[in-house]
């Protein structure tokens, strides 16, 4: 018995080391091919610091990890603020689930992803390079695509989005955003199970804080049929500065004039949680509030 176990362990270790060697050798070539494809498709510079193969992180899945990723337009210097920056980007796939449809990705994770979106006073925006690359002659109808896939877990931590529009004197910011999503595209339909665990929002117009500090979490499912133009939302639960909202509904006819059927409930909220939607007033009067 011991001899059999010893042979099995040696064989398993050899197999793992062999797979490690097979995958480790071409990993930089694979990543460089992805970088070249992105740079050829968009007018951007994509830079990363280093990549790692993590065979044992989530065995039998194989994980690739890329650190310190940044994306900038070609027209700016490398020391400028990037459109996209990610402290750590990882993807885990299983050998047994990527050879036939529906293709399955076990996990994609992002550590401290940041989007810096800004438009100058002339209306030129740094993210235009990501929007103007499509050639209509080569585009395909997404609803007729035969590709099917499952992304079992897409999650990010400490995400940040900053949007500034100098022409309209607006700014919008999301900070400390942690979330985990399941995404499936099967039979030309999208299914998304979201869990936005926490985020802080703020919005300014003409330097006036319309939303100075709003804490938001959300859970629920979304179903989207692009052919029918139908979006359904089920069992959504939002918590906004302590105020709870439950909602379900659908939006139909998205391809033409949308029609919305939406219901919202406020379960077991009190005056304190409602007033908390207005942070300035809440901070000033919270000690004087009593509820029954």
C-alpha atoms as a PDB file:
ATOM      1  CA  UNK A   1       0.000   0.000   0.000  1.00  0.00           C
ATOM      2  CA  UNK A   2       2.747   2.444   0.971  1.00  0.00           C
ATOM      3  CA  UNK A   3       4.681   1.617  -2.210  1.00  0.00           C
ATOM      4  CA  UNK A   4       1.585   2.303  -4.338  1.00  0.00           C
ATOM      5  CA  UNK A   5       0.956   5.587  -2.524  1.00  0.00           C
ATOM      6  CA  UNK A   6       4.586   6.592  -2.970  1.00  0.00           C
ATOM      7  CA  UNK A   7       4.476   5.873  -6.733  1.00  0.00           C
ATOM      8  CA  UNK A   8       1.180   7.763  -7.043  1.00  0.00           C
ATOM      9  CA  UNK A   9       2.533  10.838  -5.234  1.00  0.00           C
ATOM     10  CA  UNK A  10       5.737  10.851  -7.287  1.00  0.00           C
ATOM     11  CA  UNK A  11       3.720  10.521 -10.517  1.00  0.00           C
ATOM     12  CA  UNK A  12       1.336  13.298  -9.495  1.00  0.00           C
ATOM     13  CA  UNK A  13       4.207  15.608  -8.556  1.00  0.00           C
ATOM     14  CA  UNK A  14       5.941  14.876 -11.863  1.00  0.00           C
ATOM     15  CA  UNK A  15       2.734  15.607 -13.768  1.00  0.00           C
ATOM     16  CA  UNK A  16       2.240  18.918 -11.951  1.00  0.00           C
ATOM     17  CA  UNK A  17       5.853  19.955 -12.610  1.00  0.00           C
ATOM     18  CA  UNK A  18       5.497  18.945 -16.256  1.00  0.00           C
ATOM     19  CA  UNK A  19       2.306  20.965 -16.667  1.00  0.00           C
ATOM     20  CA  UNK A  20       3.980  23.834 -14.847  1.00  0.00           C
ATOM     21  CA  UNK A  21       6.889  23.708 -17.291  1.00  0.00           C
ATOM     22  CA  UNK A  22       4.651  23.413 -20.360  1.00  0.00           C
ATOM     23  CA  UNK A  23       2.504  26.368 -19.311  1.00  0.00           C
ATOM     24  CA  UNK A  24       5.229  28.545 -17.843  1.00  0.00           C
ATOM     25  CA  UNK A  25       7.335  28.537 -20.994  1.00  0.00           C
ATOM     26  CA  UNK A  26       4.751  30.144 -23.316  1.00  0.00           C
ATOM     27  CA  UNK A  27       2.953  32.335 -20.760  1.00  0.00           C
ATOM     28  CA  UNK A  28       4.833  35.529 -21.659  1.00  0.00           C
ATOM     29  CA  UNK A  29       4.258  34.811 -25.343  1.00  0.00           C
ATOM     30  CA  UNK A  30       0.533  34.430 -24.660  1.00  0.00           C
ATOM     31  CA  UNK A  31       0.372  37.672 -22.670  1.00  0.00           C
ATOM     32  CA  UNK A  32       2.435  39.558 -25.263  1.00  0.00           C
ATOM     33  CA  UNK A  33       0.044  38.336 -27.969  1.00  0.00           C
ATOM     34  CA  UNK A  34      -2.889  39.700 -25.945  1.00  0.00           C
ATOM     35  CA  UNK A  35      -1.077  43.015 -25.402  1.00  0.00           C
ATOM     36  CA  UNK A  36      -0.317  43.326 -29.128  1.00  0.00           C
ATOM     37  CA  UNK A  37      -3.920  42.520 -30.033  1.00  0.00           C
ATOM     38  CA  UNK A  38      -5.246  45.228 -27.685  1.00  0.00           C
ATOM     39  CA  UNK A  39      -2.734  47.810 -28.905  1.00  0.00           C
ATOM     40  CA  UNK A  40      -3.511  46.995 -32.545  1.00  0.00           C
ATOM     41  CA  UNK A  41      -7.259  47.213 -31.976  1.00  0.00           C
ATOM     42  CA  UNK A  42      -7.171  50.437 -29.967  1.00  0.00           C
ATOM     43  CA  UNK A  43      -4.857  53.426 -30.134  1.00  0.00           C
ATOM     44  CA  UNK A  44      -3.442  52.700 -26.680  1.00  0.00           C
ATOM     45  CA  UNK A  45      -0.334  51.630 -24.817  1.00  0.00           C
ATOM     46  CA  UNK A  46      -0.824  48.620 -22.552  1.00  0.00           C
ATOM     47  CA  UNK A  47       1.922  48.091 -19.985  1.00  0.00           C
ATOM     48  CA  UNK A  48       2.316  45.530 -17.231  1.00  0.00           C
ATOM     49  CA  UNK A  49       5.097  44.928 -14.716  1.00  0.00           C
ATOM     50  CA  UNK A  50       5.272  41.136 -14.496  1.00  0.00           C
ATOM     51  CA  UNK A  51       3.231  37.962 -14.884  1.00  0.00           C
ATOM     52  CA  UNK A  52       3.035  34.811 -12.797  1.00  0.00           C
ATOM     53  CA  UNK A  53       1.720  31.340 -13.419  1.00  0.00           C
ATOM     54  CA  UNK A  54       0.036  29.915 -10.314  1.00  0.00           C
ATOM     55  CA  UNK A  55      -0.605  26.255 -10.984  1.00  0.00           C
ATOM     56  CA  UNK A  56      -1.395  25.326  -7.384  1.00  0.00           C
ATOM     57  CA  UNK A  57      -3.452  28.394  -6.402  1.00  0.00           C
ATOM     58  CA  UNK A  58      -6.781  26.800  -7.308  1.00  0.00           C
ATOM     59  CA  UNK A  59      -5.953  23.313  -8.598  1.00  0.00           C
ATOM     60  CA  UNK A  60      -7.231  21.806 -10.894  1.00  0.00           C
ATOM     61  CA  UNK A  61      -7.700  25.318 -12.273  1.00  0.00           C
ATOM     62  CA  UNK A  62      -4.639  27.089 -13.638  1.00  0.00           C
ATOM     63  CA  UNK A  63      -4.220  30.751 -12.753  1.00  0.00           C
ATOM     64  CA  UNK A  64      -2.382  33.455 -14.646  1.00  0.00           C
ATOM     65  CA  UNK A  65      -1.713  36.685 -12.818  1.00  0.00           C
ATOM     66  CA  UNK A  66      -0.520  39.999 -14.253  1.00  0.00           C
ATOM     67  CA  UNK A  67       0.577  42.829 -11.968  1.00  0.00           C
ATOM     68  CA  UNK A  68       0.500  46.614 -12.315  1.00  0.00           C
ATOM     69  CA  UNK A  69      -1.458  46.889 -15.560  1.00  0.00           C
ATOM     70  CA  UNK A  70      -2.005  50.317 -17.127  1.00  0.00           C
ATOM     71  CA  UNK A  71      -3.674  51.536 -20.329  1.00  0.00           C
ATOM     72  CA  UNK A  72      -3.037  54.974 -21.864  1.00  0.00           C
ATOM     73  CA  UNK A  73      -3.838  56.596 -25.216  1.00  0.00           C
ATOM     74  CA  UNK A  74      -0.907  56.633 -27.641  1.00  0.00           C
ATOM     75  CA  UNK A  75      -1.023  60.427 -27.678  1.00  0.00           C
ATOM     76  CA  UNK A  76       0.076  60.819 -24.032  1.00  0.00           C
ATOM     77  CA  UNK A  77       3.315  60.138 -22.170  1.00  0.00           C
ATOM     78  CA  UNK A  78       3.885  57.051 -20.031  1.00  0.00           C
ATOM     79  CA  UNK A  79       4.023  59.196 -16.881  1.00  0.00           C
ATOM     80  CA  UNK A  80       0.494  60.574 -17.484  1.00  0.00           C
ATOM     81  CA  UNK A  81      -2.571  59.328 -15.636  1.00  0.00           C
ATOM     82  CA  UNK A  82      -3.775  56.080 -17.293  1.00  0.00           C
ATOM     83  CA  UNK A  83      -7.353  55.478 -18.415  1.00  0.00           C
ATOM     84  CA  UNK A  84      -7.228  52.088 -16.694  1.00  0.00           C
ATOM     85  CA  UNK A  85      -4.927  50.884 -13.959  1.00  0.00           C
ATOM     86  CA  UNK A  86      -5.101  47.555 -12.117  1.00  0.00           C
ATOM     87  CA  UNK A  87      -2.878  46.507  -9.251  1.00  0.00           C
ATOM     88  CA  UNK A  88      -3.387  42.819  -9.985  1.00  0.00           C
ATOM     89  CA  UNK A  89      -5.358  41.026 -12.692  1.00  0.00           C
ATOM     90  CA  UNK A  90      -5.859  37.273 -12.520  1.00  0.00           C
ATOM     91  CA  UNK A  91      -7.698  34.621 -14.467  1.00  0.00           C
ATOM     92  CA  UNK A  92      -8.238  30.982 -13.492  1.00  0.00           C
ATOM     93  CA  UNK A  93      -9.274  28.380 -16.060  1.00  0.00           C
ATOM     94  CA  UNK A  94      -9.730  24.627 -15.969  1.00  0.00           C
ATOM     95  CA  UNK A  95      -8.294  22.364 -18.661  1.00  0.00           C
ATOM     96  CA  UNK A  96     -11.463  20.284 -18.663  1.00  0.00           C
ATOM     97  CA  UNK A  97     -13.868  23.178 -19.265  1.00  0.00           C
ATOM     98  CA  UNK A  98     -12.358  25.249 -22.086  1.00  0.00           C
ATOM     99  CA  UNK A  99     -12.383  22.849 -25.026  1.00  0.00           C
ATOM    100  CA  UNK A 100     -16.060  22.906 -25.948  1.00  0.00           C
ATOM    101  CA  UNK A 101     -19.038  25.217 -25.561  1.00  0.00           C
ATOM    102  CA  UNK A 102     -20.200  26.504 -23.237  1.00  0.00           C
ATOM    103  CA  UNK A 103     -16.676  27.674 -22.446  1.00  0.00           C
ATOM    104  CA  UNK A 104     -16.128  28.111 -18.721  1.00  0.00           C
ATOM    105  CA  UNK A 105     -13.825  30.470 -16.882  1.00  0.00           C
ATOM    106  CA  UNK A 106     -13.529  29.670 -13.211  1.00  0.00           C
ATOM    107  CA  UNK A 107     -12.504  33.109 -11.982  1.00  0.00           C
ATOM    108  CA  UNK A 108     -11.371  36.583 -12.976  1.00  0.00           C
ATOM    109  CA  UNK A 109     -10.219  38.843 -10.184  1.00  0.00           C
ATOM    110  CA  UNK A 110      -9.040  42.447 -10.103  1.00  0.00           C
ATOM    111  CA  UNK A 111      -7.243  44.151  -7.259  1.00  0.00           C
ATOM    112  CA  UNK A 112      -7.623  47.945  -6.990  1.00  0.00           C
ATOM    113  CA  UNK A 113      -8.886  48.565 -10.543  1.00  0.00           C
ATOM    114  CA  UNK A 114      -9.234  52.265 -11.378  1.00  0.00           C
ATOM    115  CA  UNK A 115     -10.937  54.041 -14.281  1.00  0.00           C
ATOM    116  CA  UNK A 116      -9.930  57.675 -14.859  1.00  0.00           C
ATOM    117  CA  UNK A 117     -12.403  59.120 -17.352  1.00  0.00           C
ATOM    118  CA  UNK A 118     -12.113  62.803 -18.201  1.00  0.00           C
ATOM    119  CA  UNK A 119     -13.271  65.228 -20.874  1.00  0.00           C
ATOM    120  CA  UNK A 120     -11.637  68.621 -21.408  1.00  0.00           C
ATOM    121  CA  UNK A 121     -13.404  71.941 -21.973  1.00  0.00           C
ATOM    122  CA  UNK A 122     -13.521  71.257 -25.748  1.00  0.00           C
ATOM    123  CA  UNK A 123     -15.349  67.957 -25.264  1.00  0.00           C
ATOM    124  CA  UNK A 124     -12.392  65.711 -26.083  1.00  0.00           C
ATOM    125  CA  UNK A 125     -12.378  62.668 -23.792  1.00  0.00           C
ATOM    126  CA  UNK A 126      -9.451  60.395 -22.982  1.00  0.00           C
ATOM    127  CA  UNK A 127     -11.599  57.273 -23.433  1.00  0.00           C
ATOM    128  CA  UNK A 128     -12.625  58.077 -27.037  1.00  0.00           C
ATOM    129  CA  UNK A 129      -9.884  55.752 -28.278  1.00  0.00           C
ATOM    130  CA  UNK A 130     -11.766  52.841 -26.718  1.00  0.00           C
ATOM    131  CA  UNK A 131     -15.008  53.736 -28.489  1.00  0.00           C
ATOM    132  CA  UNK A 132     -13.949  54.591 -32.039  1.00  0.00           C
ATOM    133  CA  UNK A 133     -12.169  51.426 -33.101  1.00  0.00           C
ATOM    134  CA  UNK A 134     -15.067  49.427 -34.497  1.00  0.00           C
ATOM    135  CA  UNK A 135     -15.318  48.912 -38.252  1.00  0.00           C
ATOM    136  CA  UNK A 136     -18.988  48.545 -39.174  1.00  0.00           C
ATOM    137  CA  UNK A 137     -18.100  46.327 -42.120  1.00  0.00           C
ATOM    138  CA  UNK A 138     -16.496  43.767 -39.828  1.00  0.00           C
ATOM    139  CA  UNK A 139     -19.029  43.947 -37.016  1.00  0.00           C
ATOM    140  CA  UNK A 140     -21.323  41.024 -36.325  1.00  0.00           C
ATOM    141  CA  UNK A 141     -24.760  40.847 -34.792  1.00  0.00           C
ATOM    142  CA  UNK A 142     -24.075  39.833 -31.195  1.00  0.00           C
ATOM    143  CA  UNK A 143     -27.478  38.197 -30.904  1.00  0.00           C
ATOM    144  CA  UNK A 144     -26.573  35.758 -33.698  1.00  0.00           C
ATOM    145  CA  UNK A 145     -23.233  34.760 -32.219  1.00  0.00           C
ATOM    146  CA  UNK A 146     -22.824  31.052 -31.476  1.00  0.00           C
ATOM    147  CA  UNK A 147     -20.319  31.622 -28.662  1.00  0.00           C
ATOM    148  CA  UNK A 148     -21.517  30.449 -25.256  1.00  0.00           C
ATOM    149  CA  UNK A 149     -19.630  30.882 -22.006  1.00  0.00           C
ATOM    150  CA  UNK A 150     -19.838  30.857 -18.235  1.00  0.00           C
ATOM    151  CA  UNK A 151     -17.819  33.109 -15.955  1.00  0.00           C
ATOM    152  CA  UNK A 152     -18.275  31.546 -12.552  1.00  0.00           C
ATOM    153  CA  UNK A 153     -16.816  34.420 -10.571  1.00  0.00           C
ATOM    154  CA  UNK A 154     -15.865  37.938 -11.594  1.00  0.00           C
ATOM    155  CA  UNK A 155     -14.835  39.904  -8.545  1.00  0.00           C
ATOM    156  CA  UNK A 156     -12.927  43.054  -7.733  1.00  0.00           C
ATOM    157  CA  UNK A 157     -11.804  44.841  -4.592  1.00  0.00           C
ATOM    158  CA  UNK A 158     -11.261  48.519  -3.784  1.00  0.00           C
ATOM    159  CA  UNK A 159     -12.315  49.619  -7.261  1.00  0.00           C
ATOM    160  CA  UNK A 160     -12.476  53.306  -8.155  1.00  0.00           C
ATOM    161  CA  UNK A 161     -14.124  55.205 -11.007  1.00  0.00           C
ATOM    162  CA  UNK A 162     -13.496  58.923 -11.471  1.00  0.00           C
ATOM    163  CA  UNK A 163     -15.338  60.852 -14.185  1.00  0.00           C
ATOM    164  CA  UNK A 164     -14.707  64.550 -14.855  1.00  0.00           C
ATOM    165  CA  UNK A 165     -16.347  66.643 -17.566  1.00  0.00           C
ATOM    166  CA  UNK A 166     -14.869  70.135 -17.689  1.00  0.00           C
ATOM    167  CA  UNK A 167     -17.226  71.285 -20.476  1.00  0.00           C
ATOM    168  CA  UNK A 168     -20.311  70.546 -18.327  1.00  0.00           C
ATOM    169  CA  UNK A 169     -18.564  71.142 -15.013  1.00  0.00           C
ATOM    170  CA  UNK A 170     -19.550  67.733 -13.682  1.00  0.00           C
ATOM    171  CA  UNK A 171     -17.703  65.124 -11.675  1.00  0.00           C
ATOM    172  CA  UNK A 172     -18.698  61.691 -10.462  1.00  0.00           C
ATOM    173  CA  UNK A 173     -16.798  59.285  -8.262  1.00  0.00           C
ATOM    174  CA  UNK A 174     -17.215  55.700  -7.032  1.00  0.00           C
ATOM    175  CA  UNK A 175     -14.737  54.530  -4.389  1.00  0.00           C
ATOM    176  CA  UNK A 176     -14.094  51.494  -2.204  1.00  0.00           C
ATOM    177  CA  UNK A 177     -16.171  49.339  -4.550  1.00  0.00           C
ATOM    178  CA  UNK A 178     -16.131  45.602  -3.772  1.00  0.00           C
ATOM    179  CA  UNK A 179     -18.248  43.228  -5.830  1.00  0.00           C
ATOM    180  CA  UNK A 180     -18.630  39.665  -7.102  1.00  0.00           C
ATOM    181  CA  UNK A 181     -20.621  38.653 -10.201  1.00  0.00           C
ATOM    182  CA  UNK A 182     -21.618  35.474 -12.010  1.00  0.00           C
ATOM    183  CA  UNK A 183     -22.072  35.944 -15.769  1.00  0.00           C
ATOM    184  CA  UNK A 184     -23.439  33.490 -18.342  1.00  0.00           C
ATOM    185  CA  UNK A 185     -24.125  33.863 -22.056  1.00  0.00           C
ATOM    186  CA  UNK A 186     -26.125  30.839 -23.180  1.00  0.00           C
ATOM    187  CA  UNK A 187     -28.523  30.473 -26.111  1.00  0.00           C
ATOM    188  CA  UNK A 188     -28.082  34.151 -26.981  1.00  0.00           C
ATOM    189  CA  UNK A 189     -29.251  35.250 -23.536  1.00  0.00           C
ATOM    190  CA  UNK A 190     -27.376  36.898 -20.679  1.00  0.00           C
ATOM    191  CA  UNK A 191     -27.713  35.911 -17.030  1.00  0.00           C
ATOM    192  CA  UNK A 192     -25.988  37.982 -14.350  1.00  0.00           C
ATOM    193  CA  UNK A 193     -26.050  37.309 -10.632  1.00  0.00           C
ATOM    194  CA  UNK A 194     -24.580  40.365  -8.925  1.00  0.00           C
ATOM    195  CA  UNK A 195     -23.420  41.058  -5.400  1.00  0.00           C
ATOM    196  CA  UNK A 196     -22.139  44.620  -5.090  1.00  0.00           C
ATOM    197  CA  UNK A 197     -21.031  44.393  -1.492  1.00  0.00           C
ATOM    198  CA  UNK A 198     -20.161  48.051  -0.925  1.00  0.00           C
ATOM    199  CA  UNK A 199     -19.374  51.287  -2.725  1.00  0.00           C
ATOM    200  CA  UNK A 200     -19.210  55.007  -1.903  1.00  0.00           C
ATOM    201  CA  UNK A 201     -20.679  57.434  -4.457  1.00  0.00           C
ATOM    202  CA  UNK A 202     -20.444  61.195  -4.872  1.00  0.00           C
ATOM    203  CA  UNK A 203     -21.643  63.552  -7.622  1.00  0.00           C
ATOM    204  CA  UNK A 204     -20.871  67.243  -8.155  1.00  0.00           C
ATOM    205  CA  UNK A 205     -22.440  69.740 -10.570  1.00  0.00           C
ATOM    206  CA  UNK A 206     -20.902  73.228 -10.874  1.00  0.00           C
ATOM    207  CA  UNK A 207     -18.843  72.457  -7.762  1.00  0.00           C
ATOM    208  CA  UNK A 208     -22.043  71.832  -5.773  1.00  0.00           C
ATOM    209  CA  UNK A 209     -22.286  68.453  -4.056  1.00  0.00           C
ATOM    210  CA  UNK A 210     -25.582  66.970  -5.262  1.00  0.00           C
ATOM    211  CA  UNK A 211     -24.587  63.588  -3.786  1.00  0.00           C
ATOM    212  CA  UNK A 212     -21.784  64.323  -1.310  1.00  0.00           C
ATOM    213  CA  UNK A 213     -21.400  60.848   0.176  1.00  0.00           C
ATOM    214  CA  UNK A 214     -23.681  57.929  -0.572  1.00  0.00           C
ATOM    215  CA  UNK A 215     -23.025  54.370   0.598  1.00  0.00           C
ATOM    216  CA  UNK A 216     -24.546  51.707  -1.662  1.00  0.00           C
ATOM    217  CA  UNK A 217     -24.774  47.920  -1.748  1.00  0.00           C
ATOM    218  CA  UNK A 218     -26.865  45.831  -4.128  1.00  0.00           C
ATOM    219  CA  UNK A 219     -27.789  42.211  -4.837  1.00  0.00           C
ATOM    220  CA  UNK A 220     -29.964  40.599  -7.468  1.00  0.00           C
ATOM    221  CA  UNK A 221     -30.269  38.837 -10.804  1.00  0.00           C
ATOM    222  CA  UNK A 222     -30.512  40.241 -14.312  1.00  0.00           C
ATOM    223  CA  UNK A 223     -31.688  38.435 -17.446  1.00  0.00           C
ATOM    224  CA  UNK A 224     -31.236  40.033 -20.853  1.00  0.00           C
ATOM    225  CA  UNK A 225     -32.521  38.773 -24.209  1.00  0.00           C
ATOM    226  CA  UNK A 226     -30.992  41.000 -26.947  1.00  0.00           C
ATOM    227  CA  UNK A 227     -33.187  39.534 -29.697  1.00  0.00           C
ATOM    228  CA  UNK A 228     -36.424  40.354 -27.862  1.00  0.00           C
ATOM    229  CA  UNK A 229     -35.030  43.553 -26.339  1.00  0.00           C
ATOM    230  CA  UNK A 230     -36.096  42.329 -22.906  1.00  0.00           C
ATOM    231  CA  UNK A 231     -34.350  43.040 -19.585  1.00  0.00           C
ATOM    232  CA  UNK A 232     -35.664  41.392 -16.421  1.00  0.00           C
ATOM    233  CA  UNK A 233     -34.555  42.142 -12.864  1.00  0.00           C
ATOM    234  CA  UNK A 234     -35.409  39.748 -10.065  1.00  0.00           C
ATOM    235  CA  UNK A 235     -35.021  39.887  -6.282  1.00  0.00           C
ATOM    236  CA  UNK A 236     -33.008  43.092  -6.217  1.00  0.00           C
ATOM    237  CA  UNK A 237     -32.095  44.416  -2.799  1.00  0.00           C
ATOM    238  CA  UNK A 238     -30.462  47.843  -2.457  1.00  0.00           C
ATOM    239  CA  UNK A 239     -29.168  49.452   0.703  1.00  0.00           C
ATOM    240  CA  UNK A 240     -28.580  53.198   0.342  1.00  0.00           C
ATOM    241  CA  UNK A 241     -27.178  54.895   3.443  1.00  0.00           C
ATOM    242  CA  UNK A 242     -29.144  52.446   5.580  1.00  0.00           C
ATOM    243  CA  UNK A 243     -32.363  52.720   3.555  1.00  0.00           C
ATOM    244  CA  UNK A 244     -33.437  49.330   2.162  1.00  0.00           C
ATOM    245  CA  UNK A 245     -35.257  48.980  -1.156  1.00  0.00           C
ATOM    246  CA  UNK A 246     -36.559  45.779  -2.734  1.00  0.00           C
ATOM    247  CA  UNK A 247     -37.323  45.761  -6.423  1.00  0.00           C
ATOM    248  CA  UNK A 248     -38.297  43.522  -9.330  1.00  0.00           C
ATOM    249  CA  UNK A 249     -39.484  44.241 -12.819  1.00  0.00           C
ATOM    250  CA  UNK A 250     -38.774  44.234 -16.511  1.00  0.00           C
ATOM    251  CA  UNK A 251     -37.950  46.593 -19.326  1.00  0.00           C
ATOM    252  CA  UNK A 252     -39.318  45.470 -22.696  1.00  0.00           C
ATOM    253  CA  UNK A 253     -39.019  46.766 -26.233  1.00  0.00           C
ATOM    254  CA  UNK A 254     -35.481  48.026 -25.638  1.00  0.00           C
ATOM    255  CA  UNK A 255     -34.790  47.881 -29.369  1.00  0.00           C
ATOM    256  CA  UNK A 256     -37.422  50.570 -30.039  1.00  0.00           C
ATOM    257  CA  UNK A 257     -39.354  52.587 -27.424  1.00  0.00           C
ATOM    258  CA  UNK A 258     -38.691  51.005 -24.014  1.00  0.00           C
ATOM    259  CA  UNK A 259     -41.584  50.076 -21.724  1.00  0.00           C
ATOM    260  CA  UNK A 260     -40.928  49.643 -18.005  1.00  0.00           C
ATOM    261  CA  UNK A 261     -42.833  47.627 -15.439  1.00  0.00           C
ATOM    262  CA  UNK A 262     -41.102  48.077 -12.106  1.00  0.00           C
ATOM    263  CA  UNK A 263     -42.135  47.664  -8.468  1.00  0.00           C
ATOM    264  CA  UNK A 264     -40.234  48.865  -5.402  1.00  0.00           C
ATOM    265  CA  UNK A 265     -40.866  48.188  -1.698  1.00  0.00           C
ATOM    266  CA  UNK A 266     -39.255  49.642   1.414  1.00  0.00           C
ATOM    267  CA  UNK A 267     -39.232  46.824   3.989  1.00  0.00           C
ATOM    268  CA  UNK A 268     -39.037  47.793   7.667  1.00  0.00           C
ATOM    269  CA  UNK A 269     -37.425  51.200   7.192  1.00  0.00           C
ATOM    270  CA  UNK A 270     -37.769  53.957   9.761  1.00  0.00           C
ATOM    271  CA  UNK A 271     -37.458  57.732   9.571  1.00  0.00           C
ATOM    272  CA  UNK A 272     -33.798  57.558  10.564  1.00  0.00           C
ATOM    273  CA  UNK A 273     -32.816  55.397   7.580  1.00  0.00           C
ATOM    274  CA  UNK A 274     -34.775  57.666   5.220  1.00  0.00           C
ATOM    275  CA  UNK A 275     -33.191  60.841   6.581  1.00  0.00           C
ATOM    276  CA  UNK A 276     -29.773  59.177   6.214  1.00  0.00           C
ATOM    277  CA  UNK A 277     -30.152  59.640   2.449  1.00  0.00           C
ATOM    278  CA  UNK A 278     -29.319  63.299   3.104  1.00  0.00           C
ATOM    279  CA  UNK A 279     -25.908  63.047   4.795  1.00  0.00           C
ATOM    280  CA  UNK A 280     -25.496  66.727   5.690  1.00  0.00           C
ATOM    281  CA  UNK A 281     -28.846  66.920   7.458  1.00  0.00           C
ATOM    282  CA  UNK A 282     -28.375  63.515   9.036  1.00  0.00           C
ATOM    283  CA  UNK A 283     -24.974  64.420  10.472  1.00  0.00           C
ATOM    284  CA  UNK A 284     -26.388  67.649  11.882  1.00  0.00           C
ATOM    285  CA  UNK A 285     -29.513  66.208  13.499  1.00  0.00           C
ATOM    286  CA  UNK A 286     -28.889  62.507  14.059  1.00  0.00           C
ATOM    287  CA  UNK A 287     -28.398  62.942  17.814  1.00  0.00           C
ATOM    288  CA  UNK A 288     -31.837  64.609  18.089  1.00  0.00           C
ATOM    289  CA  UNK A 289     -33.666  61.935  16.061  1.00  0.00           C
ATOM    290  CA  UNK A 290     -35.910  59.486  17.882  1.00  0.00           C
ATOM    291  CA  UNK A 291     -38.037  56.877  16.139  1.00  0.00           C
ATOM    292  CA  UNK A 292     -40.849  54.555  17.156  1.00  0.00           C
END
